[in-house]
N, C-alpha and C. Protein backbone atom coordinates (compact mmCIF):
# COMPACT_ATOMS: atom_id res chain seq x y z
N MET A 1 -18.16 4.90 4.13
CA MET A 1 -18.32 6.31 3.73
C MET A 1 -18.56 6.21 2.49
N PHE A 2 -19.31 7.12 1.97
CA PHE A 2 -19.59 7.21 0.42
C PHE A 2 -19.71 8.82 0.31
N SER A 3 -19.17 9.24 -0.81
CA SER A 3 -19.48 10.61 -1.31
C SER A 3 -19.03 10.68 -2.87
N PRO A 4 -19.63 11.58 -3.47
CA PRO A 4 -19.44 11.73 -4.99
C PRO A 4 -17.95 11.74 -5.16
N ARG A 5 -16.95 12.41 -4.53
CA ARG A 5 -15.33 12.40 -4.52
C ARG A 5 -14.90 10.85 -4.38
N ILE A 6 -15.52 10.30 -3.42
CA ILE A 6 -15.08 8.84 -3.31
C ILE A 6 -15.40 7.95 -4.64
N GLU A 7 -16.53 8.30 -4.95
CA GLU A 7 -17.00 7.57 -6.26
C GLU A 7 -16.00 7.93 -7.38
N LEU A 8 -15.90 9.14 -7.56
CA LEU A 8 -14.85 9.66 -8.61
C LEU A 8 -13.44 8.92 -8.60
N ALA A 9 -13.12 8.77 -7.12
CA ALA A 9 -11.82 8.14 -6.88
C ALA A 9 -11.73 6.55 -7.40
N ILE A 10 -12.92 6.10 -7.08
CA ILE A 10 -12.98 4.56 -7.48
C ILE A 10 -12.99 4.47 -8.89
N THR A 11 -13.73 5.34 -9.74
CA THR A 11 -13.89 5.32 -11.13
C THR A 11 -12.13 5.70 -11.56
N THR A 12 -11.86 6.65 -11.04
CA THR A 12 -10.31 6.86 -11.49
C THR A 12 -9.31 5.71 -11.27
N ALA A 13 -9.40 5.18 -9.98
CA ALA A 13 -8.64 4.06 -10.01
C ALA A 13 -8.64 2.85 -10.82
N ILE A 14 -10.00 2.50 -11.18
CA ILE A 14 -10.39 1.58 -12.00
C ILE A 14 -9.98 1.72 -13.48
N GLU A 15 -10.12 3.23 -13.81
CA GLU A 15 -9.69 3.47 -15.12
C GLU A 15 -8.30 3.43 -15.32
N ALA A 16 -7.54 3.78 -14.29
CA ALA A 16 -6.15 4.00 -14.18
C ALA A 16 -5.52 2.36 -14.35
N HIS A 17 -5.97 1.57 -13.55
CA HIS A 17 -5.45 0.17 -13.18
C HIS A 17 -6.03 -0.73 -14.26
N GLY A 18 -7.08 -0.31 -14.85
CA GLY A 18 -7.72 -1.29 -15.97
C GLY A 18 -7.99 -2.82 -15.29
N LEU A 19 -7.71 -3.82 -16.06
CA LEU A 19 -7.85 -5.12 -15.70
C LEU A 19 -6.64 -5.87 -15.43
N ARG A 20 -5.47 -4.97 -15.17
CA ARG A 20 -4.15 -5.55 -14.70
C ARG A 20 -4.39 -6.41 -13.40
N ARG A 21 -3.71 -7.47 -13.34
CA ARG A 21 -3.49 -8.27 -12.12
C ARG A 21 -2.27 -7.79 -11.38
N ARG A 22 -2.37 -8.11 -10.04
CA ARG A 22 -1.31 -7.80 -9.19
C ARG A 22 -0.16 -8.97 -9.41
N LYS A 23 1.08 -8.60 -8.93
CA LYS A 23 2.25 -9.30 -9.35
C LYS A 23 1.97 -10.88 -9.08
N ALA A 24 1.47 -11.03 -7.95
CA ALA A 24 1.38 -12.64 -7.59
C ALA A 24 -0.11 -12.79 -7.28
N GLY A 25 -0.71 -13.74 -7.99
CA GLY A 25 -2.26 -14.03 -7.63
C GLY A 25 -3.09 -13.59 -8.70
N SER A 26 -4.33 -13.82 -8.57
CA SER A 26 -5.28 -13.41 -9.56
C SER A 26 -6.11 -12.19 -9.17
N ALA A 27 -5.71 -11.60 -8.19
CA ALA A 27 -6.39 -10.49 -7.88
C ALA A 27 -6.07 -9.25 -8.73
N PHE A 28 -7.00 -8.39 -9.05
CA PHE A 28 -6.98 -7.14 -9.73
C PHE A 28 -6.25 -6.07 -9.13
N GLU A 29 -5.35 -5.23 -9.59
CA GLU A 29 -4.71 -4.08 -8.93
C GLU A 29 -5.94 -3.25 -8.48
N ALA A 30 -7.09 -2.98 -9.13
CA ALA A 30 -8.06 -2.11 -8.72
C ALA A 30 -8.74 -2.76 -7.37
N THR A 31 -8.89 -4.08 -7.23
CA THR A 31 -9.33 -4.70 -6.17
C THR A 31 -8.38 -4.36 -4.76
N HIS A 32 -7.03 -4.30 -5.09
CA HIS A 32 -6.22 -3.92 -4.04
C HIS A 32 -6.52 -2.46 -3.46
N ALA A 33 -6.59 -1.44 -4.56
CA ALA A 33 -6.79 -0.20 -4.21
C ALA A 33 -8.29 -0.14 -3.59
N LEU A 34 -9.31 -0.74 -3.91
CA LEU A 34 -10.39 -0.67 -3.15
C LEU A 34 -10.59 -1.20 -1.69
N SER A 35 -9.64 -2.37 -1.58
CA SER A 35 -9.40 -2.82 -0.34
C SER A 35 -8.80 -1.83 0.62
N VAL A 36 -7.82 -1.39 0.33
CA VAL A 36 -7.01 -0.33 1.02
C VAL A 36 -8.02 0.92 1.46
N GLY A 37 -8.70 1.44 0.46
CA GLY A 37 -9.74 2.25 0.65
C GLY A 37 -10.71 1.87 1.81
N LEU A 38 -11.20 0.73 1.80
CA LEU A 38 -12.14 0.08 2.74
C LEU A 38 -11.49 0.16 4.11
N ILE A 39 -10.27 -0.42 4.13
CA ILE A 39 -9.43 -0.49 5.48
C ILE A 39 -9.32 0.93 6.11
N VAL A 40 -8.90 1.85 5.25
CA VAL A 40 -8.76 3.19 5.73
C VAL A 40 -10.08 3.74 6.30
N SER A 41 -11.18 3.48 5.67
CA SER A 41 -12.62 3.97 6.05
C SER A 41 -12.97 3.20 7.29
N ASP A 42 -12.73 1.87 7.46
CA ASP A 42 -12.90 1.21 8.78
C ASP A 42 -12.25 1.62 9.87
N PHE A 43 -10.98 2.38 9.63
CA PHE A 43 -10.26 2.94 10.90
C PHE A 43 -10.53 4.28 10.96
N GLY A 44 -11.69 4.84 10.45
CA GLY A 44 -12.01 6.24 10.70
C GLY A 44 -11.43 7.18 9.93
N GLY A 45 -10.83 6.80 8.69
CA GLY A 45 -10.08 7.87 7.95
C GLY A 45 -11.12 8.79 7.21
N ALA A 46 -10.68 10.18 7.16
CA ALA A 46 -11.68 11.08 6.59
C ALA A 46 -11.65 10.80 4.98
N GLU A 47 -12.71 11.80 4.45
CA GLU A 47 -12.65 11.64 2.84
C GLU A 47 -11.27 11.69 2.07
N ASN A 48 -10.44 12.57 2.46
CA ASN A 48 -9.25 12.75 1.70
C ASN A 48 -8.51 11.60 1.97
N SER A 49 -8.31 10.86 2.99
CA SER A 49 -7.53 9.72 3.37
C SER A 49 -8.19 8.46 2.39
N VAL A 50 -9.38 8.26 2.45
CA VAL A 50 -10.04 7.29 1.59
C VAL A 50 -9.84 7.43 0.21
N VAL A 51 -9.85 8.86 -0.32
CA VAL A 51 -9.67 9.07 -1.65
C VAL A 51 -8.18 8.70 -2.22
N ALA A 52 -7.25 9.12 -1.23
CA ALA A 52 -5.75 8.83 -1.42
C ALA A 52 -5.52 7.41 -1.41
N ALA A 53 -6.19 6.59 -0.58
CA ALA A 53 -6.10 5.23 -0.37
C ALA A 53 -6.52 4.54 -1.68
N LEU A 54 -7.58 4.97 -2.27
CA LEU A 54 -8.09 4.41 -3.58
C LEU A 54 -7.07 4.54 -4.80
N LEU A 55 -6.35 5.77 -4.58
CA LEU A 55 -5.37 6.30 -5.70
C LEU A 55 -3.96 6.06 -5.39
N HIS A 56 -3.57 5.15 -4.14
CA HIS A 56 -2.27 5.30 -3.77
C HIS A 56 -1.19 4.54 -4.55
N ASP A 57 -1.53 3.67 -5.66
CA ASP A 57 -0.64 3.15 -6.38
C ASP A 57 -0.69 3.65 -7.87
N THR A 58 -1.47 4.66 -8.08
CA THR A 58 -1.58 5.14 -9.38
C THR A 58 -0.53 5.84 -10.08
N LEU A 59 0.20 6.74 -9.27
CA LEU A 59 1.44 7.26 -9.86
C LEU A 59 2.51 6.24 -10.24
N GLU A 60 2.66 5.22 -9.23
CA GLU A 60 3.69 4.31 -9.31
C GLU A 60 3.52 3.26 -10.31
N ASP A 61 2.18 2.64 -10.44
CA ASP A 61 1.95 1.52 -11.17
C ASP A 61 1.16 1.86 -12.55
N THR A 62 0.71 3.06 -12.98
CA THR A 62 -0.04 3.38 -13.96
C THR A 62 0.33 4.60 -14.73
N LEU A 63 -0.44 4.78 -15.74
CA LEU A 63 0.00 6.10 -16.62
C LEU A 63 -0.76 7.35 -16.03
N LEU A 64 -1.56 7.26 -15.01
CA LEU A 64 -2.11 8.41 -14.40
C LEU A 64 -1.04 9.42 -13.86
N ASN A 65 -1.15 10.60 -14.33
CA ASN A 65 -0.25 11.60 -13.89
C ASN A 65 -0.67 12.47 -12.87
N GLN A 66 0.30 13.20 -12.20
CA GLN A 66 -0.11 14.12 -10.93
C GLN A 66 -0.97 15.23 -11.27
N GLU A 67 -1.31 15.75 -12.56
CA GLU A 67 -2.19 16.72 -12.84
C GLU A 67 -3.64 16.23 -12.62
N VAL A 68 -3.81 14.87 -13.08
CA VAL A 68 -5.26 14.43 -13.07
C VAL A 68 -5.52 14.37 -11.44
N ILE A 69 -4.75 14.00 -10.78
CA ILE A 69 -5.09 13.84 -9.30
C ILE A 69 -5.39 15.23 -8.77
N ARG A 70 -4.34 16.09 -9.14
CA ARG A 70 -4.45 17.43 -8.52
C ARG A 70 -5.81 18.03 -9.05
N ASP A 71 -6.06 17.99 -10.21
CA ASP A 71 -7.32 18.52 -10.76
C ASP A 71 -8.68 17.97 -10.39
N ARG A 72 -8.52 16.57 -10.09
CA ARG A 72 -9.81 15.97 -9.61
C ARG A 72 -9.87 16.05 -8.09
N PHE A 73 -8.80 15.82 -7.32
CA PHE A 73 -8.92 15.80 -5.97
C PHE A 73 -8.31 16.77 -5.03
N GLY A 74 -7.37 17.69 -5.69
CA GLY A 74 -6.80 18.70 -4.82
C GLY A 74 -5.33 18.16 -4.46
N ASP A 75 -4.77 19.26 -4.00
CA ASP A 75 -3.10 19.24 -3.75
C ASP A 75 -2.99 18.25 -2.63
N TYR A 76 -3.73 18.37 -1.65
CA TYR A 76 -3.48 17.63 -0.25
C TYR A 76 -3.61 16.00 -0.64
N VAL A 77 -4.65 15.56 -1.50
CA VAL A 77 -4.65 14.31 -1.82
C VAL A 77 -3.45 13.71 -2.71
N LEU A 78 -3.13 14.69 -3.61
CA LEU A 78 -2.05 14.46 -4.49
C LEU A 78 -0.69 14.34 -3.61
N ALA A 79 -0.62 15.10 -2.46
CA ALA A 79 0.69 14.95 -1.42
C ALA A 79 0.66 13.63 -0.81
N ILE A 80 -0.43 13.17 -0.40
CA ILE A 80 -0.67 11.79 0.08
C ILE A 80 0.01 10.84 -0.70
N VAL A 81 -0.79 10.91 -1.92
CA VAL A 81 -0.44 9.68 -2.88
C VAL A 81 1.24 10.01 -3.24
N THR A 82 1.85 11.18 -3.34
CA THR A 82 3.13 11.29 -3.73
C THR A 82 3.98 10.69 -2.51
N ASP A 83 3.48 10.90 -1.34
CA ASP A 83 4.31 10.22 -0.10
C ASP A 83 4.41 8.76 -0.24
N LEU A 84 3.41 8.11 -0.86
CA LEU A 84 3.35 6.82 -0.92
C LEU A 84 3.81 6.16 -2.15
N THR A 85 4.61 6.98 -3.09
CA THR A 85 5.05 6.46 -4.44
C THR A 85 6.57 6.35 -4.37
N GLU A 86 6.88 5.07 -4.65
CA GLU A 86 8.28 4.74 -4.69
C GLU A 86 9.19 5.47 -5.92
N PRO A 87 10.30 5.63 -5.70
CA PRO A 87 11.12 6.19 -7.09
C PRO A 87 10.89 5.23 -8.26
N LYS A 88 11.04 5.61 -9.39
CA LYS A 88 10.68 4.83 -10.50
C LYS A 88 12.12 3.86 -10.59
N LYS A 89 11.76 2.71 -11.23
CA LYS A 89 13.02 2.10 -11.72
C LYS A 89 13.67 2.70 -12.69
N PRO A 90 15.08 2.57 -12.78
CA PRO A 90 15.81 1.49 -12.51
C PRO A 90 16.40 1.45 -11.21
N VAL A 91 16.11 2.31 -10.30
CA VAL A 91 16.74 2.42 -8.93
C VAL A 91 16.54 1.15 -8.43
N ALA A 92 17.51 0.40 -7.74
CA ALA A 92 17.43 -0.87 -7.18
C ALA A 92 16.35 -1.07 -5.98
N TRP A 93 15.90 -2.30 -5.83
CA TRP A 93 14.78 -2.54 -5.22
C TRP A 93 14.98 -2.00 -3.68
N ARG A 94 16.03 -2.40 -3.03
CA ARG A 94 16.27 -2.07 -1.58
C ARG A 94 16.38 -0.48 -1.52
N ARG A 95 16.92 0.43 -2.29
CA ARG A 95 16.97 1.81 -2.41
C ARG A 95 15.74 2.24 -2.50
N ARG A 96 14.62 1.67 -3.50
CA ARG A 96 13.28 2.29 -3.43
C ARG A 96 12.53 2.01 -2.12
N LYS A 97 12.86 0.83 -1.52
CA LYS A 97 12.06 0.51 -0.41
C LYS A 97 12.41 1.56 0.84
N GLU A 98 13.86 1.83 0.98
CA GLU A 98 14.46 2.67 1.76
C GLU A 98 13.93 4.25 1.66
N ALA A 99 13.85 4.49 0.33
CA ALA A 99 13.43 5.88 0.08
C ALA A 99 11.99 5.98 0.39
N TYR A 100 11.22 5.01 0.26
CA TYR A 100 9.63 5.01 0.54
C TYR A 100 9.49 5.11 2.08
N ILE A 101 10.31 4.44 2.77
CA ILE A 101 10.13 4.36 4.40
C ILE A 101 10.72 5.78 4.74
N GLU A 102 11.65 6.33 4.23
CA GLU A 102 12.14 7.69 4.65
C GLU A 102 11.28 8.77 4.30
N CYS A 103 10.47 8.75 3.11
CA CYS A 103 9.41 9.71 2.81
C CYS A 103 8.49 9.70 3.75
N LEU A 104 8.00 8.47 4.22
CA LEU A 104 6.83 8.40 5.13
C LEU A 104 7.25 8.88 6.64
N ARG A 105 8.38 8.45 6.89
CA ARG A 105 9.09 9.13 8.04
C ARG A 105 8.95 10.77 8.26
N GLN A 106 9.45 11.38 7.08
CA GLN A 106 9.57 12.80 7.10
C GLN A 106 8.18 13.47 6.75
N SER A 107 7.23 12.65 6.22
CA SER A 107 5.96 13.39 5.90
C SER A 107 5.14 14.00 7.09
N PRO A 108 4.72 15.10 6.85
CA PRO A 108 4.00 15.69 7.99
C PRO A 108 2.50 15.31 8.01
N ARG A 109 2.35 14.57 7.15
CA ARG A 109 0.66 14.07 6.80
C ARG A 109 0.62 12.64 7.64
N ASP A 110 -0.20 12.56 8.72
CA ASP A 110 -0.57 11.32 9.44
C ASP A 110 -1.48 10.62 8.40
N GLU A 111 -2.18 11.16 7.59
CA GLU A 111 -3.10 10.47 6.61
C GLU A 111 -2.18 9.53 5.66
N SER A 112 -1.06 9.93 5.51
CA SER A 112 -0.06 9.24 4.55
C SER A 112 0.34 7.90 5.38
N ARG A 113 0.58 8.02 6.63
CA ARG A 113 0.84 6.94 7.48
C ARG A 113 -0.29 5.88 7.52
N THR A 114 -1.59 6.48 7.76
CA THR A 114 -2.75 5.67 7.75
C THR A 114 -2.87 4.78 6.22
N VAL A 115 -2.66 5.64 5.38
CA VAL A 115 -2.93 4.66 4.07
C VAL A 115 -1.83 3.81 3.81
N ALA A 116 -0.55 4.09 4.21
CA ALA A 116 0.60 3.32 4.07
C ALA A 116 0.27 1.98 4.99
N SER A 117 -0.29 2.22 6.07
CA SER A 117 -0.41 1.04 7.16
C SER A 117 -1.56 0.15 6.59
N ALA A 118 -2.66 0.79 5.97
CA ALA A 118 -3.84 0.09 5.35
C ALA A 118 -3.29 -0.80 4.04
N ASP A 119 -2.48 -0.25 3.28
CA ASP A 119 -1.65 -0.82 2.29
C ASP A 119 -1.03 -1.96 2.74
N LYS A 120 -0.17 -2.06 3.76
CA LYS A 120 0.56 -3.11 4.15
C LYS A 120 -0.27 -4.01 4.75
N ILE A 121 -1.45 -3.84 5.50
CA ILE A 121 -2.41 -4.67 6.03
C ILE A 121 -2.84 -5.52 4.98
N HIS A 122 -3.31 -4.94 3.80
CA HIS A 122 -3.88 -5.78 2.81
C HIS A 122 -2.60 -6.61 1.99
N ASN A 123 -1.54 -5.79 1.87
CA ASN A 123 -0.43 -6.60 1.20
C ASN A 123 -0.03 -7.95 2.06
N LEU A 124 0.11 -7.67 3.34
CA LEU A 124 0.44 -8.71 4.14
C LEU A 124 -0.44 -9.93 4.33
N SER A 125 -1.85 -9.54 4.43
CA SER A 125 -2.85 -10.54 4.32
C SER A 125 -2.77 -11.47 2.85
N SER A 126 -2.43 -10.71 1.83
CA SER A 126 -2.34 -11.33 0.45
C SER A 126 -1.23 -12.25 0.49
N MET A 127 0.24 -11.82 1.12
CA MET A 127 1.10 -12.54 1.00
C MET A 127 1.03 -13.78 1.91
N VAL A 128 0.39 -13.77 3.02
CA VAL A 128 0.12 -14.97 3.88
C VAL A 128 -0.63 -15.91 2.97
N ASP A 129 -1.71 -15.45 2.28
CA ASP A 129 -2.49 -16.42 1.49
C ASP A 129 -1.59 -17.04 0.67
N GLY A 130 -0.67 -16.10 -0.21
CA GLY A 130 0.24 -16.79 -1.25
C GLY A 130 1.28 -17.67 -0.59
N LEU A 131 1.69 -17.43 0.56
CA LEU A 131 2.79 -18.35 1.24
C LEU A 131 2.08 -19.67 1.55
N GLU A 132 0.91 -19.59 2.12
CA GLU A 132 0.23 -20.85 2.60
C GLU A 132 -0.14 -21.67 1.52
N ASN A 133 -0.72 -20.93 0.30
CA ASN A 133 -1.17 -21.67 -0.83
C ASN A 133 -0.40 -22.02 -1.91
N GLN A 134 0.91 -21.15 -2.05
CA GLN A 134 1.64 -21.47 -3.05
C GLN A 134 3.08 -21.61 -2.71
N GLY A 135 3.57 -21.44 -1.56
CA GLY A 135 4.81 -21.79 -1.05
C GLY A 135 5.92 -20.90 -1.92
N VAL A 136 7.01 -21.68 -2.33
CA VAL A 136 8.14 -21.12 -2.89
C VAL A 136 7.71 -20.49 -4.18
N THR A 137 6.79 -21.06 -4.91
CA THR A 137 6.32 -20.64 -6.10
C THR A 137 5.88 -18.97 -5.97
N PHE A 138 5.20 -18.84 -4.82
CA PHE A 138 4.74 -17.35 -4.67
C PHE A 138 5.93 -16.51 -4.41
N ILE A 139 6.97 -16.84 -3.71
CA ILE A 139 8.13 -16.15 -3.33
C ILE A 139 8.89 -15.93 -4.64
N ASP A 140 9.14 -16.62 -5.66
CA ASP A 140 9.70 -16.52 -6.76
C ASP A 140 9.24 -15.41 -7.78
N MET A 141 8.05 -14.96 -7.36
CA MET A 141 7.43 -13.93 -8.21
C MET A 141 7.85 -12.50 -7.81
N PHE A 142 8.80 -12.49 -6.73
CA PHE A 142 9.11 -11.15 -6.12
C PHE A 142 10.69 -10.97 -6.21
N THR A 143 11.03 -9.83 -6.61
CA THR A 143 12.53 -9.46 -6.71
C THR A 143 13.35 -9.77 -5.57
N ALA A 144 12.59 -9.34 -4.30
CA ALA A 144 13.40 -9.39 -3.12
C ALA A 144 13.63 -10.62 -2.45
N GLY A 145 12.76 -11.61 -2.82
CA GLY A 145 12.91 -12.76 -2.30
C GLY A 145 12.24 -12.80 -0.76
N LEU A 146 12.13 -13.81 -0.21
CA LEU A 146 11.59 -13.83 1.17
C LEU A 146 12.23 -12.93 2.14
N GLU A 147 13.72 -13.24 2.38
CA GLU A 147 14.30 -12.26 3.10
C GLU A 147 14.02 -10.67 2.93
N GLY A 148 14.13 -10.37 1.77
CA GLY A 148 13.95 -8.89 1.45
C GLY A 148 12.43 -8.51 1.93
N MET A 149 11.49 -9.13 1.44
CA MET A 149 9.99 -9.24 1.91
C MET A 149 10.06 -8.96 3.52
N VAL A 150 10.64 -9.75 4.39
CA VAL A 150 10.54 -9.80 5.68
C VAL A 150 11.11 -8.52 6.25
N TRP A 151 12.29 -8.19 5.73
CA TRP A 151 12.97 -6.88 6.10
C TRP A 151 12.01 -5.69 5.60
N PHE A 152 11.61 -5.62 4.72
CA PHE A 152 10.89 -4.48 4.31
C PHE A 152 9.53 -4.32 5.14
N GLN A 153 8.77 -5.34 5.26
CA GLN A 153 7.39 -5.21 6.03
C GLN A 153 7.92 -5.08 7.61
N ARG A 154 8.86 -5.58 8.22
CA ARG A 154 9.43 -5.25 9.43
C ARG A 154 9.74 -3.82 9.55
N GLU A 155 10.50 -3.34 8.71
CA GLU A 155 10.95 -1.97 8.78
C GLU A 155 9.97 -1.05 8.64
N VAL A 156 9.03 -1.05 7.85
CA VAL A 156 7.80 -0.11 7.64
C VAL A 156 7.10 -0.03 8.79
N HIS A 157 6.75 -1.38 9.47
CA HIS A 157 5.83 -1.28 10.68
C HIS A 157 6.77 -0.60 11.95
N ARG A 158 7.92 -1.24 11.86
CA ARG A 158 8.89 -0.38 13.05
C ARG A 158 8.82 1.13 13.02
N MET A 159 9.12 1.68 11.77
CA MET A 159 9.08 3.07 11.72
C MET A 159 7.78 3.72 11.88
N LEU A 160 6.65 3.14 11.57
CA LEU A 160 5.36 3.76 11.82
C LEU A 160 5.07 3.69 13.32
N THR A 161 5.44 2.44 14.05
CA THR A 161 4.99 2.42 15.31
C THR A 161 6.08 3.51 16.30
N LYS A 162 7.20 3.69 15.76
CA LYS A 162 8.19 4.49 16.42
C LYS A 162 7.69 6.17 16.26
N GLU A 163 7.36 6.41 15.07
CA GLU A 163 6.83 7.88 14.78
C GLU A 163 5.55 8.24 15.14
N TRP A 164 4.62 7.22 15.32
CA TRP A 164 3.08 7.79 15.13
C TRP A 164 2.34 6.44 16.06
N SER A 165 1.39 6.91 16.35
CA SER A 165 0.32 6.19 17.18
C SER A 165 -1.15 6.28 16.67
N HIS A 166 -1.59 5.05 16.32
CA HIS A 166 -2.93 5.05 15.77
C HIS A 166 -3.61 3.65 15.86
N PRO A 167 -4.73 3.44 16.10
CA PRO A 167 -5.42 2.05 16.22
C PRO A 167 -5.00 1.24 14.93
N ILE A 168 -4.80 1.57 13.80
CA ILE A 168 -4.73 0.87 12.65
C ILE A 168 -3.46 -0.04 12.71
N LEU A 169 -2.57 0.52 13.67
CA LEU A 169 -1.26 -0.13 13.71
C LEU A 169 -1.32 -1.50 14.66
N ASP A 170 -2.32 -1.65 15.40
CA ASP A 170 -2.58 -2.91 16.15
C ASP A 170 -2.93 -3.91 14.80
N GLU A 171 -3.98 -3.75 14.01
CA GLU A 171 -4.13 -4.60 12.87
C GLU A 171 -2.94 -4.93 12.15
N HIS A 172 -2.19 -3.81 11.75
CA HIS A 172 -0.85 -3.91 11.11
C HIS A 172 -0.01 -5.09 11.79
N GLY A 173 0.17 -4.62 13.11
CA GLY A 173 1.02 -5.59 13.82
C GLY A 173 0.64 -7.13 13.77
N ARG A 174 -0.75 -7.25 13.81
CA ARG A 174 -1.33 -8.65 13.78
C ARG A 174 -0.97 -9.37 12.21
N GLN A 175 -1.20 -8.44 11.51
CA GLN A 175 -0.94 -9.11 9.99
C GLN A 175 0.55 -9.18 9.87
N LEU A 176 1.43 -8.56 10.35
CA LEU A 176 2.82 -8.75 10.35
C LEU A 176 3.22 -9.92 10.84
N GLU A 177 2.74 -10.16 12.07
CA GLU A 177 2.88 -11.49 12.79
C GLU A 177 2.37 -12.74 11.93
N ARG A 178 1.40 -12.64 11.39
CA ARG A 178 0.72 -13.73 10.67
C ARG A 178 1.85 -13.87 9.36
N PHE A 179 2.21 -12.84 8.77
CA PHE A 179 3.14 -12.91 7.62
C PHE A 179 4.40 -13.72 8.15
N LEU A 180 5.07 -13.19 9.39
CA LEU A 180 6.27 -13.66 9.85
C LEU A 180 6.27 -15.13 10.22
N LEU A 181 5.04 -15.58 10.65
CA LEU A 181 4.94 -16.88 11.00
C LEU A 181 4.72 -17.76 9.67
N ALA A 182 4.16 -17.33 8.60
CA ALA A 182 4.02 -17.86 7.41
C ALA A 182 5.31 -18.20 6.79
N ALA A 183 6.02 -17.07 6.92
CA ALA A 183 7.51 -16.96 6.23
C ALA A 183 8.23 -18.14 7.08
N LYS A 184 8.24 -18.20 8.27
CA LYS A 184 8.95 -19.08 9.02
C LYS A 184 8.59 -20.45 8.85
N ASN A 185 7.38 -20.78 8.49
CA ASN A 185 6.99 -22.05 8.27
C ASN A 185 7.36 -22.50 6.72
N LEU A 186 7.53 -21.52 6.04
CA LEU A 186 7.99 -21.98 4.51
C LEU A 186 9.48 -22.27 4.54
N ARG A 187 10.32 -21.80 5.61
CA ARG A 187 11.70 -22.04 5.52
C ARG A 187 12.20 -23.56 5.71
């Protein structure tokens, strides 16, 4: 899917994320945003969902503010992105993750769940690569450690499958199983 709005969202994501790299690995943050947008599109997401997917980490990880998203893409896209934004630090890691899960559970927007699932699909795939190629060195880059990562990924998938039905959850489940196997093999 392509449209001028999607092109503007790509530009906005790249401007917001710049050339910053993800926490673990050499991939750029913007590459993750583009990947999540492609996954949403692959699973039939409408334009608003793809736009929100491209912007899903901007409020949390960049200096982009809500007004820019609202002005460029409207209140609905802003609502989806807000659903996917964790509380700011210094809130403890576990509490941020619990708040994220609860916000998704309570959201009236299935589009938020689609983007969240696509985000987790890409994160899980990246984490499997990291576990297989870097082992314990990869885990050391994360605050939560392996057990926390396993807990969070299981809880997000459990909540989504309990609250909602969508074909994307099959791929989400496959990536979760790959991650759990890679985590088990590391122990």
